[in-house]
Amino acid sequence: MIEDKLSVKTICQLTGINEHTLRAWERRYGVVKPRRLDNGRRVYSIEDLEKLKLIALLIRKGFLIGNVAAHDLQELSRLLNEAAQTPDMGDAAALQNSRAEEIVQRIEEALSRYNLITINVLLQQAKAEYGVREYLFQVVLPLMSRVGDEVARGEFSIGQEHALSALVKYHLLQLFYLLTHSHAMTRDRQAPKSFAVATAEGNLHEFGMLMAAVLCAFHGYPTCYLGPNLPAGSLAEASEAMAANCVVVGLPPLDDHKAANRIYMEDLLKRLPRVCEVWVGGVPHGEQRFPSERVRELPSLEELDRLLANIKRV
């Protein structure tokens, strides 16, 4: 039947969903499962079309694709009717989440074409549109996580990942130095914490620590970002010179570098002044890898954010 052979182009025109987003939804959430003709072309049914129409409407009302993708037509229709009758379904938080998802999808689409100018514009717009926390937690973190997963599956290349990483790093550094400059004249010189942030020697993946530095600066603490791959002696020397009383360090994967990480931490603690704490990022909840009264192990950036906010209220 011809109505069961709708093309991708037709589906996108009738739903308002772009092709890259549709393909991502199919891979990640199994939202629909198009048939393939003998020539390999993907085709969709009328039921697929109706489901995607309903999902597109729910997304515009603030629902997240991961929460609605598995529902059938009846359940999607019920949700849409309830949303129409519930005033707070279109509240600012829901709309903001929906908007962030849209931005991430548009960046992924642009990355698929190596359209770096568009990515740069979208990152700049998101930075202006969102607060610091929202920019980090709703845009940057989901974006980098999803692209990393897609590289692992072979859907994006290493070149695309590196191109995106360079742009994201630029925008995060710009945000960090804007925050440190804006706080320089107003923050308390007797702040309870001052931070030096870096990744340990052997760890070239700096996004977690760069975002940690942005959060420290956002909360108004004197913060210096020292970059990736820093030997323990160099990190201790820089921290002491900058009068930091807390080092935030990102180690290589703990299970893969257990012995090397232990040696690194022992060396770092030995070289730092006794009053200086060390916060270690990426340690899962409930685990203690470096037992010491001077070491705090953090499972996530969200945990760091809460800790920084609580310290400031003390």
C-alpha atoms as a PDB file:
ATOM      1  CA  MET A   1       0.000   0.000   0.000  1.00  0.00           C
ATOM      2  CA  ILE A   2       1.330   3.403  -0.956  1.00  0.00           C
ATOM      3  CA  GLU A   3       0.280   4.935   2.387  1.00  0.00           C
ATOM      4  CA  ASP A   4       2.631   2.503   4.134  1.00  0.00           C
ATOM      5  CA  LYS A   5       5.593   3.671   2.080  1.00  0.00           C
ATOM      6  CA  LEU A   6       6.104   7.235   3.298  1.00  0.00           C
ATOM      7  CA  SER A   7       9.615   8.542   2.712  1.00  0.00           C
ATOM      8  CA  VAL A   8      11.870  10.154   5.289  1.00  0.00           C
ATOM      9  CA  LYS A   9      11.411  13.473   3.519  1.00  0.00           C
ATOM     10  CA  THR A  10       7.620  13.210   3.728  1.00  0.00           C
ATOM     11  CA  ILE A  11       7.721  12.263   7.413  1.00  0.00           C
ATOM     12  CA  CYS A  12       9.972  15.238   8.210  1.00  0.00           C
ATOM     13  CA  GLN A  13       7.772  17.650   6.252  1.00  0.00           C
ATOM     14  CA  LEU A  14       4.561  16.473   7.951  1.00  0.00           C
ATOM     15  CA  THR A  15       5.911  16.351  11.513  1.00  0.00           C
ATOM     16  CA  GLY A  16       8.431  19.201  11.595  1.00  0.00           C
ATOM     17  CA  ILE A  17      11.114  16.808  12.875  1.00  0.00           C
ATOM     18  CA  ASN A  18      14.424  17.105  11.039  1.00  0.00           C
ATOM     19  CA  GLU A  19      16.003  13.986   9.571  1.00  0.00           C
ATOM     20  CA  HIS A  20      19.044  13.883  11.845  1.00  0.00           C
ATOM     21  CA  THR A  21      16.826  14.122  14.937  1.00  0.00           C
ATOM     22  CA  LEU A  22      14.528  11.388  13.609  1.00  0.00           C
ATOM     23  CA  ARG A  23      17.464   9.056  12.966  1.00  0.00           C
ATOM     24  CA  ALA A  24      18.847   9.791  16.442  1.00  0.00           C
ATOM     25  CA  TRP A  25      15.478   8.999  18.020  1.00  0.00           C
ATOM     26  CA  GLU A  26      15.274   5.738  16.103  1.00  0.00           C
ATOM     27  CA  ARG A  27      18.779   4.646  17.174  1.00  0.00           C
ATOM     28  CA  ARG A  28      18.615   5.825  20.758  1.00  0.00           C
ATOM     29  CA  TYR A  29      14.990   5.257  21.715  1.00  0.00           C
ATOM     30  CA  GLY A  30      13.482   2.990  19.033  1.00  0.00           C
ATOM     31  CA  VAL A  31      10.707   5.530  18.608  1.00  0.00           C
ATOM     32  CA  VAL A  32       9.605   3.923  15.316  1.00  0.00           C
ATOM     33  CA  LYS A  33      11.006   1.061  13.254  1.00  0.00           C
ATOM     34  CA  PRO A  34      10.775   1.861   9.528  1.00  0.00           C
ATOM     35  CA  ARG A  35      10.739  -0.932   6.956  1.00  0.00           C
ATOM     36  CA  ARG A  36      13.402  -1.186   4.281  1.00  0.00           C
ATOM     37  CA  LEU A  37      12.561  -1.756   0.641  1.00  0.00           C
ATOM     38  CA  ASP A  38      14.622  -4.024  -1.578  1.00  0.00           C
ATOM     39  CA  ASN A  39      16.709  -1.016  -2.614  1.00  0.00           C
ATOM     40  CA  GLY A  40      17.517  -0.283   1.031  1.00  0.00           C
ATOM     41  CA  ARG A  41      15.326   2.830   1.274  1.00  0.00           C
ATOM     42  CA  ARG A  42      13.607   3.339   4.637  1.00  0.00           C
ATOM     43  CA  VAL A  43       9.837   3.793   4.501  1.00  0.00           C
ATOM     44  CA  TYR A  44       7.280   4.612   7.179  1.00  0.00           C
ATOM     45  CA  SER A  45       3.682   3.668   7.808  1.00  0.00           C
ATOM     46  CA  ILE A  46       0.700   5.891   8.549  1.00  0.00           C
ATOM     47  CA  GLU A  47       0.882   4.679  12.156  1.00  0.00           C
ATOM     48  CA  ASP A  48       4.534   5.781  12.311  1.00  0.00           C
ATOM     49  CA  LEU A  49       3.490   9.184  10.998  1.00  0.00           C
ATOM     50  CA  GLU A  50       0.707   9.584  13.558  1.00  0.00           C
ATOM     51  CA  LYS A  51       2.984   8.549  16.413  1.00  0.00           C
ATOM     52  CA  LEU A  52       5.693  10.997  15.356  1.00  0.00           C
ATOM     53  CA  LYS A  53       3.131  13.805  15.033  1.00  0.00           C
ATOM     54  CA  LEU A  54       1.961  13.232  18.601  1.00  0.00           C
ATOM     55  CA  ILE A  55       5.518  13.029  19.916  1.00  0.00           C
ATOM     56  CA  ALA A  56       6.474  16.256  18.130  1.00  0.00           C
ATOM     57  CA  LEU A  57       3.529  18.015  19.803  1.00  0.00           C
ATOM     58  CA  LEU A  58       4.457  16.636  23.226  1.00  0.00           C
ATOM     59  CA  ILE A  59       8.090  17.705  22.801  1.00  0.00           C
ATOM     60  CA  ARG A  60       6.912  21.257  22.073  1.00  0.00           C
ATOM     61  CA  LYS A  61       4.938  21.163  25.324  1.00  0.00           C
ATOM     62  CA  GLY A  62       8.056  20.332  27.327  1.00  0.00           C
ATOM     63  CA  PHE A  63       8.099  16.524  27.399  1.00  0.00           C
ATOM     64  CA  LEU A  64      11.435  14.753  26.953  1.00  0.00           C
ATOM     65  CA  ILE A  65      11.782  12.249  24.127  1.00  0.00           C
ATOM     66  CA  GLY A  66      13.157   9.563  26.442  1.00  0.00           C
ATOM     67  CA  ASN A  67       9.950   9.696  28.500  1.00  0.00           C
ATOM     68  CA  VAL A  68       7.503   9.318  25.599  1.00  0.00           C
ATOM     69  CA  ALA A  69       9.270   7.334  22.866  1.00  0.00           C
ATOM     70  CA  ALA A  70       8.064   3.904  24.020  1.00  0.00           C
ATOM     71  CA  HIS A  71       4.373   4.879  24.344  1.00  0.00           C
ATOM     72  CA  ASP A  72       1.739   3.718  21.853  1.00  0.00           C
ATOM     73  CA  LEU A  73      -0.716   5.995  20.049  1.00  0.00           C
ATOM     74  CA  GLN A  74      -3.379   5.704  22.747  1.00  0.00           C
ATOM     75  CA  GLU A  75      -1.018   6.650  25.566  1.00  0.00           C
ATOM     76  CA  LEU A  76       0.499   9.515  23.558  1.00  0.00           C
ATOM     77  CA  SER A  77      -2.987  10.872  22.823  1.00  0.00           C
ATOM     78  CA  ARG A  78      -3.874  10.673  26.521  1.00  0.00           C
ATOM     79  CA  LEU A  79      -0.724  12.569  27.506  1.00  0.00           C
ATOM     80  CA  LEU A  80      -1.436  15.226  24.905  1.00  0.00           C
ATOM     81  CA  ASN A  81      -5.021  15.676  26.134  1.00  0.00           C
ATOM     82  CA  GLU A  82      -3.830  15.979  29.737  1.00  0.00           C
ATOM     83  CA  ALA A  83      -1.156  18.468  28.721  1.00  0.00           C
ATOM     84  CA  ALA A  84      -3.769  20.601  26.983  1.00  0.00           C
ATOM     85  CA  GLN A  85      -5.842  20.692  30.180  1.00  0.00           C
ATOM     86  CA  THR A  86      -2.953  21.261  32.595  1.00  0.00           C
ATOM     87  CA  PRO A  87      -1.680  24.855  32.672  1.00  0.00           C
ATOM     88  CA  ASP A  88       1.675  24.086  34.295  1.00  0.00           C
ATOM     89  CA  MET A  89       2.756  21.573  31.634  1.00  0.00           C
ATOM     90  CA  GLY A  90       4.064  24.505  29.629  1.00  0.00           C
ATOM     91  CA  ASP A  91       5.880  26.095  32.554  1.00  0.00           C
ATOM     92  CA  ALA A  92       9.297  27.677  32.251  1.00  0.00           C
ATOM     93  CA  ALA A  93      11.245  24.622  33.460  1.00  0.00           C
ATOM     94  CA  ALA A  94       9.590  22.219  31.020  1.00  0.00           C
ATOM     95  CA  LEU A  95      10.023  24.616  28.133  1.00  0.00           C
ATOM     96  CA  GLN A  96      13.642  25.180  29.078  1.00  0.00           C
ATOM     97  CA  ASN A  97      14.323  21.421  29.064  1.00  0.00           C
ATOM     98  CA  SER A  98      12.648  21.101  25.696  1.00  0.00           C
ATOM     99  CA  ARG A  99      14.633  24.017  24.319  1.00  0.00           C
ATOM    100  CA  ALA A 100      17.919  22.525  25.594  1.00  0.00           C
ATOM    101  CA  GLU A 101      17.095  19.207  23.923  1.00  0.00           C
ATOM    102  CA  GLU A 102      16.396  21.056  20.696  1.00  0.00           C
ATOM    103  CA  ILE A 103      19.731  22.893  20.873  1.00  0.00           C
ATOM    104  CA  VAL A 104      21.643  19.645  21.473  1.00  0.00           C
ATOM    105  CA  GLN A 105      19.898  18.001  18.532  1.00  0.00           C
ATOM    106  CA  ARG A 106      20.632  20.960  16.255  1.00  0.00           C
ATOM    107  CA  ILE A 107      24.302  20.842  17.230  1.00  0.00           C
ATOM    108  CA  GLU A 108      24.403  17.105  16.478  1.00  0.00           C
ATOM    109  CA  GLU A 109      22.784  17.734  13.125  1.00  0.00           C
ATOM    110  CA  ALA A 110      25.306  20.465  12.293  1.00  0.00           C
ATOM    111  CA  LEU A 111      28.161  18.217  13.425  1.00  0.00           C
ATOM    112  CA  SER A 112      27.005  15.500  11.034  1.00  0.00           C
ATOM    113  CA  ARG A 113      27.749  17.987   8.220  1.00  0.00           C
ATOM    114  CA  TYR A 114      30.915  19.436   9.829  1.00  0.00           C
ATOM    115  CA  ASN A 115      29.089  22.785   9.980  1.00  0.00           C
ATOM    116  CA  LEU A 116      31.321  24.265  12.673  1.00  0.00           C
ATOM    117  CA  ILE A 117      30.113  27.849  12.156  1.00  0.00           C
ATOM    118  CA  THR A 118      26.560  26.823  13.026  1.00  0.00           C
ATOM    119  CA  ILE A 119      27.777  24.889  16.071  1.00  0.00           C
ATOM    120  CA  ASN A 120      29.714  27.931  17.275  1.00  0.00           C
ATOM    121  CA  VAL A 121      26.617  30.137  16.901  1.00  0.00           C
ATOM    122  CA  LEU A 122      24.392  27.627  18.720  1.00  0.00           C
ATOM    123  CA  LEU A 123      26.830  27.297  21.631  1.00  0.00           C
ATOM    124  CA  GLN A 124      27.075  31.077  21.879  1.00  0.00           C
ATOM    125  CA  GLN A 125      23.288  31.447  21.821  1.00  0.00           C
ATOM    126  CA  ALA A 126      22.846  28.778  24.498  1.00  0.00           C
ATOM    127  CA  LYS A 127      25.473  30.455  26.682  1.00  0.00           C
ATOM    128  CA  ALA A 128      23.568  33.748  26.437  1.00  0.00           C
ATOM    129  CA  GLU A 129      20.165  32.116  26.908  1.00  0.00           C
ATOM    130  CA  TYR A 130      20.899  29.930  29.935  1.00  0.00           C
ATOM    131  CA  GLY A 131      22.361  30.446  33.370  1.00  0.00           C
ATOM    132  CA  VAL A 132      25.718  28.843  34.100  1.00  0.00           C
ATOM    133  CA  ARG A 133      24.290  25.706  35.754  1.00  0.00           C
ATOM    134  CA  GLU A 134      21.710  25.185  33.023  1.00  0.00           C
ATOM    135  CA  TYR A 135      24.296  25.695  30.290  1.00  0.00           C
ATOM    136  CA  LEU A 136      26.566  23.074  31.842  1.00  0.00           C
ATOM    137  CA  PHE A 137      23.999  20.504  32.943  1.00  0.00           C
ATOM    138  CA  GLN A 138      21.366  20.811  30.218  1.00  0.00           C
ATOM    139  CA  VAL A 139      23.489  21.576  27.165  1.00  0.00           C
ATOM    140  CA  VAL A 140      27.215  20.805  27.491  1.00  0.00           C
ATOM    141  CA  LEU A 141      27.084  17.591  29.530  1.00  0.00           C
ATOM    142  CA  PRO A 142      24.300  15.909  27.495  1.00  0.00           C
ATOM    143  CA  LEU A 143      25.912  17.033  24.245  1.00  0.00           C
ATOM    144  CA  MET A 144      29.371  15.665  25.002  1.00  0.00           C
ATOM    145  CA  SER A 145      27.960  12.445  26.477  1.00  0.00           C
ATOM    146  CA  ARG A 146      25.757  11.768  23.470  1.00  0.00           C
ATOM    147  CA  VAL A 147      28.451  12.531  20.921  1.00  0.00           C
ATOM    148  CA  GLY A 148      30.869  10.308  22.834  1.00  0.00           C
ATOM    149  CA  ASP A 149      28.354   7.463  22.674  1.00  0.00           C
ATOM    150  CA  GLU A 150      27.818   8.064  18.957  1.00  0.00           C
ATOM    151  CA  VAL A 151      31.560   7.970  18.295  1.00  0.00           C
ATOM    152  CA  ALA A 152      31.740   4.655  20.147  1.00  0.00           C
ATOM    153  CA  ARG A 153      28.981   3.308  17.892  1.00  0.00           C
ATOM    154  CA  GLY A 154      30.684   4.621  14.759  1.00  0.00           C
ATOM    155  CA  GLU A 155      27.958   7.185  14.009  1.00  0.00           C
ATOM    156  CA  PHE A 156      30.347  10.134  14.396  1.00  0.00           C
ATOM    157  CA  SER A 157      34.053  10.093  13.580  1.00  0.00           C
ATOM    158  CA  ILE A 158      36.966  10.966  15.857  1.00  0.00           C
ATOM    159  CA  GLY A 159      37.491  14.039  13.665  1.00  0.00           C
ATOM    160  CA  GLN A 160      33.965  15.235  14.351  1.00  0.00           C
ATOM    161  CA  GLU A 161      34.383  14.650  18.084  1.00  0.00           C
ATOM    162  CA  HIS A 162      37.646  16.619  18.130  1.00  0.00           C
ATOM    163  CA  ALA A 163      36.130  19.482  16.149  1.00  0.00           C
ATOM    164  CA  LEU A 164      33.233  19.721  18.601  1.00  0.00           C
ATOM    165  CA  SER A 165      35.563  19.408  21.595  1.00  0.00           C
ATOM    166  CA  ALA A 166      37.670  22.339  20.401  1.00  0.00           C
ATOM    167  CA  LEU A 167      34.597  24.571  20.114  1.00  0.00           C
ATOM    168  CA  VAL A 168      33.125  23.523  23.467  1.00  0.00           C
ATOM    169  CA  LYS A 169      36.472  24.060  25.196  1.00  0.00           C
ATOM    170  CA  TYR A 170      36.701  27.553  23.710  1.00  0.00           C
ATOM    171  CA  HIS A 171      33.269  28.485  25.038  1.00  0.00           C
ATOM    172  CA  LEU A 172      33.897  26.992  28.478  1.00  0.00           C
ATOM    173  CA  LEU A 173      37.197  28.848  28.843  1.00  0.00           C
ATOM    174  CA  GLN A 174      35.531  32.046  27.704  1.00  0.00           C
ATOM    175  CA  LEU A 175      32.837  31.549  30.341  1.00  0.00           C
ATOM    176  CA  PHE A 176      35.407  30.708  33.026  1.00  0.00           C
ATOM    177  CA  TYR A 177      37.487  33.825  32.450  1.00  0.00           C
ATOM    178  CA  LEU A 178      34.368  35.987  32.240  1.00  0.00           C
ATOM    179  CA  LEU A 179      33.290  34.678  35.650  1.00  0.00           C
ATOM    180  CA  THR A 180      36.713  35.057  37.254  1.00  0.00           C
ATOM    181  CA  HIS A 181      37.003  38.620  35.925  1.00  0.00           C
ATOM    182  CA  SER A 182      33.509  39.644  37.024  1.00  0.00           C
ATOM    183  CA  HIS A 183      34.067  38.294  40.546  1.00  0.00           C
ATOM    184  CA  ALA A 184      37.580  39.707  40.938  1.00  0.00           C
ATOM    185  CA  MET A 185      36.511  43.073  42.345  1.00  0.00           C
ATOM    186  CA  THR A 186      33.594  41.880  44.468  1.00  0.00           C
ATOM    187  CA  ARG A 187      34.391  38.548  46.068  1.00  0.00           C
ATOM    188  CA  ASP A 188      35.553  38.237  49.643  1.00  0.00           C
ATOM    189  CA  ARG A 189      39.322  37.958  49.894  1.00  0.00           C
ATOM    190  CA  GLN A 190      38.728  35.795  52.975  1.00  0.00           C
ATOM    191  CA  ALA A 191      36.648  33.267  51.055  1.00  0.00           C
ATOM    192  CA  PRO A 192      36.624  29.883  52.829  1.00  0.00           C
ATOM    193  CA  LYS A 193      37.927  28.114  49.738  1.00  0.00           C
ATOM    194  CA  SER A 194      40.274  28.929  46.889  1.00  0.00           C
ATOM    195  CA  PHE A 195      40.709  26.337  44.178  1.00  0.00           C
ATOM    196  CA  ALA A 196      43.318  24.989  41.798  1.00  0.00           C
ATOM    197  CA  VAL A 197      41.739  22.697  39.210  1.00  0.00           C
ATOM    198  CA  ALA A 198      43.504  20.282  36.847  1.00  0.00           C
ATOM    199  CA  THR A 199      43.603  16.723  35.573  1.00  0.00           C
ATOM    200  CA  ALA A 200      46.331  14.401  36.771  1.00  0.00           C
ATOM    201  CA  GLU A 201      49.283  13.262  34.724  1.00  0.00           C
ATOM    202  CA  GLY A 202      48.053  10.721  32.198  1.00  0.00           C
ATOM    203  CA  ASN A 203      44.540  12.155  31.991  1.00  0.00           C
ATOM    204  CA  LEU A 204      44.032  14.161  28.797  1.00  0.00           C
ATOM    205  CA  HIS A 205      40.246  14.326  29.142  1.00  0.00           C
ATOM    206  CA  GLU A 206      39.746  17.725  30.671  1.00  0.00           C
ATOM    207  CA  PHE A 207      36.063  18.585  30.168  1.00  0.00           C
ATOM    208  CA  GLY A 208      34.997  17.409  33.612  1.00  0.00           C
ATOM    209  CA  MET A 209      37.652  19.502  35.336  1.00  0.00           C
ATOM    210  CA  LEU A 210      37.095  22.497  33.077  1.00  0.00           C
ATOM    211  CA  MET A 211      33.398  22.420  33.981  1.00  0.00           C
ATOM    212  CA  ALA A 212      34.396  22.016  37.646  1.00  0.00           C
ATOM    213  CA  ALA A 213      36.505  25.173  37.363  1.00  0.00           C
ATOM    214  CA  VAL A 214      33.547  27.025  35.825  1.00  0.00           C
ATOM    215  CA  LEU A 215      31.350  25.942  38.748  1.00  0.00           C
ATOM    216  CA  CYS A 216      33.936  27.050  41.328  1.00  0.00           C
ATOM    217  CA  ALA A 217      34.207  30.449  39.655  1.00  0.00           C
ATOM    218  CA  PHE A 218      30.423  30.690  39.301  1.00  0.00           C
ATOM    219  CA  HIS A 219      30.046  30.265  43.064  1.00  0.00           C
ATOM    220  CA  GLY A 220      32.439  33.160  43.570  1.00  0.00           C
ATOM    221  CA  TYR A 221      35.545  31.360  44.795  1.00  0.00           C
ATOM    222  CA  PRO A 222      39.058  32.332  43.660  1.00  0.00           C
ATOM    223  CA  THR A 223      39.821  29.664  41.082  1.00  0.00           C
ATOM    224  CA  CYS A 224      42.707  28.833  38.772  1.00  0.00           C
ATOM    225  CA  TYR A 225      42.334  26.324  35.971  1.00  0.00           C
ATOM    226  CA  LEU A 226      45.649  24.613  35.211  1.00  0.00           C
ATOM    227  CA  GLY A 227      44.611  22.312  32.374  1.00  0.00           C
ATOM    228  CA  PRO A 228      45.127  18.600  31.705  1.00  0.00           C
ATOM    229  CA  ASN A 229      47.948  16.106  32.293  1.00  0.00           C
ATOM    230  CA  LEU A 230      49.674  17.809  35.238  1.00  0.00           C
ATOM    231  CA  PRO A 231      52.356  15.949  37.231  1.00  0.00           C
ATOM    232  CA  ALA A 232      51.814  15.902  40.981  1.00  0.00           C
ATOM    233  CA  GLY A 233      54.847  18.104  41.661  1.00  0.00           C
ATOM    234  CA  SER A 234      53.751  20.745  39.159  1.00  0.00           C
ATOM    235  CA  LEU A 235      50.186  20.775  40.500  1.00  0.00           C
ATOM    236  CA  ALA A 236      51.419  21.142  44.086  1.00  0.00           C
ATOM    237  CA  GLU A 237      53.861  23.912  43.112  1.00  0.00           C
ATOM    238  CA  ALA A 238      51.212  25.887  41.226  1.00  0.00           C
ATOM    239  CA  SER A 239      48.623  25.434  43.982  1.00  0.00           C
ATOM    240  CA  GLU A 240      51.001  26.710  46.660  1.00  0.00           C
ATOM    241  CA  ALA A 241      52.090  29.673  44.543  1.00  0.00           C
ATOM    242  CA  MET A 242      48.430  30.640  44.015  1.00  0.00           C
ATOM    243  CA  ALA A 243      47.592  30.160  47.705  1.00  0.00           C
ATOM    244  CA  ALA A 244      44.912  27.581  46.879  1.00  0.00           C
ATOM    245  CA  ASN A 245      43.648  25.680  49.912  1.00  0.00           C
ATOM    246  CA  CYS A 246      41.802  23.098  47.842  1.00  0.00           C
ATOM    247  CA  VAL A 247      42.892  21.148  44.760  1.00  0.00           C
ATOM    248  CA  VAL A 248      40.223  19.645  42.508  1.00  0.00           C
ATOM    249  CA  VAL A 249      41.809  16.912  40.411  1.00  0.00           C
ATOM    250  CA  GLY A 250      40.526  14.560  37.747  1.00  0.00           C
ATOM    251  CA  LEU A 251      42.341  11.231  37.694  1.00  0.00           C
ATOM    252  CA  PRO A 252      42.478   8.740  34.807  1.00  0.00           C
ATOM    253  CA  PRO A 253      39.796   5.987  35.042  1.00  0.00           C
ATOM    254  CA  LEU A 254      40.191   4.684  38.566  1.00  0.00           C
ATOM    255  CA  ASP A 255      39.845   0.974  37.818  1.00  0.00           C
ATOM    256  CA  ASP A 256      42.232   1.065  34.854  1.00  0.00           C
ATOM    257  CA  HIS A 257      44.956   3.041  36.659  1.00  0.00           C
ATOM    258  CA  LYS A 258      44.464   1.990  40.271  1.00  0.00           C
ATOM    259  CA  ALA A 259      48.124   1.662  41.278  1.00  0.00           C
ATOM    260  CA  ALA A 260      49.263   4.755  39.353  1.00  0.00           C
ATOM    261  CA  ASN A 261      46.446   6.834  40.848  1.00  0.00           C
ATOM    262  CA  ARG A 262      47.347   5.775  44.375  1.00  0.00           C
ATOM    263  CA  ILE A 263      50.992   6.746  43.813  1.00  0.00           C
ATOM    264  CA  TYR A 264      49.934  10.072  42.287  1.00  0.00           C
ATOM    265  CA  MET A 265      47.671  10.908  45.230  1.00  0.00           C
ATOM    266  CA  GLU A 266      50.307   9.960  47.792  1.00  0.00           C
ATOM    267  CA  ASP A 267      52.840  12.176  46.029  1.00  0.00           C
ATOM    268  CA  LEU A 268      50.400  15.073  45.718  1.00  0.00           C
ATOM    269  CA  LEU A 269      49.333  14.963  49.376  1.00  0.00           C
ATOM    270  CA  LYS A 270      52.972  14.786  50.481  1.00  0.00           C
ATOM    271  CA  ARG A 271      53.889  17.881  48.465  1.00  0.00           C
ATOM    272  CA  LEU A 272      50.859  20.031  49.345  1.00  0.00           C
ATOM    273  CA  PRO A 273      50.646  22.043  52.584  1.00  0.00           C
ATOM    274  CA  ARG A 274      48.809  20.197  55.355  1.00  0.00           C
ATOM    275  CA  VAL A 275      45.961  22.729  55.254  1.00  0.00           C
ATOM    276  CA  CYS A 276      45.249  22.009  51.595  1.00  0.00           C
ATOM    277  CA  GLU A 277      42.437  19.588  50.772  1.00  0.00           C
ATOM    278  CA  VAL A 278      42.181  17.455  47.636  1.00  0.00           C
ATOM    279  CA  TRP A 279      38.827  16.825  45.962  1.00  0.00           C
ATOM    280  CA  VAL A 280      38.854  13.915  43.513  1.00  0.00           C
ATOM    281  CA  GLY A 281      36.286  13.848  40.741  1.00  0.00           C
ATOM    282  CA  GLY A 282      34.482  10.851  39.312  1.00  0.00           C
ATOM    283  CA  VAL A 283      34.514   8.471  42.296  1.00  0.00           C
ATOM    284  CA  PRO A 284      31.206   6.533  42.347  1.00  0.00           C
ATOM    285  CA  HIS A 285      28.789   6.879  45.261  1.00  0.00           C
ATOM    286  CA  GLY A 286      29.545   4.589  48.163  1.00  0.00           C
ATOM    287  CA  GLU A 287      33.170   3.975  47.232  1.00  0.00           C
ATOM    288  CA  GLN A 288      36.246   5.247  49.028  1.00  0.00           C
ATOM    289  CA  ARG A 289      39.415   4.973  46.987  1.00  0.00           C
ATOM    290  CA  PHE A 290      41.737   7.341  48.886  1.00  0.00           C
ATOM    291  CA  PRO A 291      41.007   7.209  52.629  1.00  0.00           C
ATOM    292  CA  SER A 292      42.373  10.404  54.154  1.00  0.00           C
ATOM    293  CA  GLU A 293      40.885  13.254  56.159  1.00  0.00           C
ATOM    294  CA  ARG A 294      42.281  15.615  53.515  1.00  0.00           C
ATOM    295  CA  VAL A 295      40.599  13.890  50.561  1.00  0.00           C
ATOM    296  CA  ARG A 296      36.996  14.299  49.479  1.00  0.00           C
ATOM    297  CA  GLU A 297      35.763  12.013  46.704  1.00  0.00           C
ATOM    298  CA  LEU A 298      33.047  13.412  44.418  1.00  0.00           C
ATOM    299  CA  PRO A 299      30.876  11.217  42.175  1.00  0.00           C
ATOM    300  CA  SER A 300      29.588  13.948  39.852  1.00  0.00           C
ATOM    301  CA  LEU A 301      29.577  17.603  38.895  1.00  0.00           C
ATOM    302  CA  GLU A 302      26.100  17.892  40.417  1.00  0.00           C
ATOM    303  CA  GLU A 303      27.564  16.809  43.756  1.00  0.00           C
ATOM    304  CA  LEU A 304      30.336  19.400  43.390  1.00  0.00           C
ATOM    305  CA  ASP A 305      27.748  22.081  42.641  1.00  0.00           C
ATOM    306  CA  ARG A 306      25.761  21.227  45.783  1.00  0.00           C
ATOM    307  CA  LEU A 307      28.912  21.179  47.898  1.00  0.00           C
ATOM    308  CA  LEU A 308      30.031  24.584  46.646  1.00  0.00           C
ATOM    309  CA  ALA A 309      26.612  26.080  47.343  1.00  0.00           C
ATOM    310  CA  ASN A 310      26.521  24.637  50.871  1.00  0.00           C
ATOM    311  CA  ILE A 311      30.018  25.876  51.728  1.00  0.00           C
ATOM    312  CA  LYS A 312      29.058  29.362  50.621  1.00  0.00           C
ATOM    313  CA  ARG A 313      26.082  29.355  53.008  1.00  0.00           C
ATOM    314  CA  VAL A 314      28.214  28.365  56.012  1.00  0.00           C
END
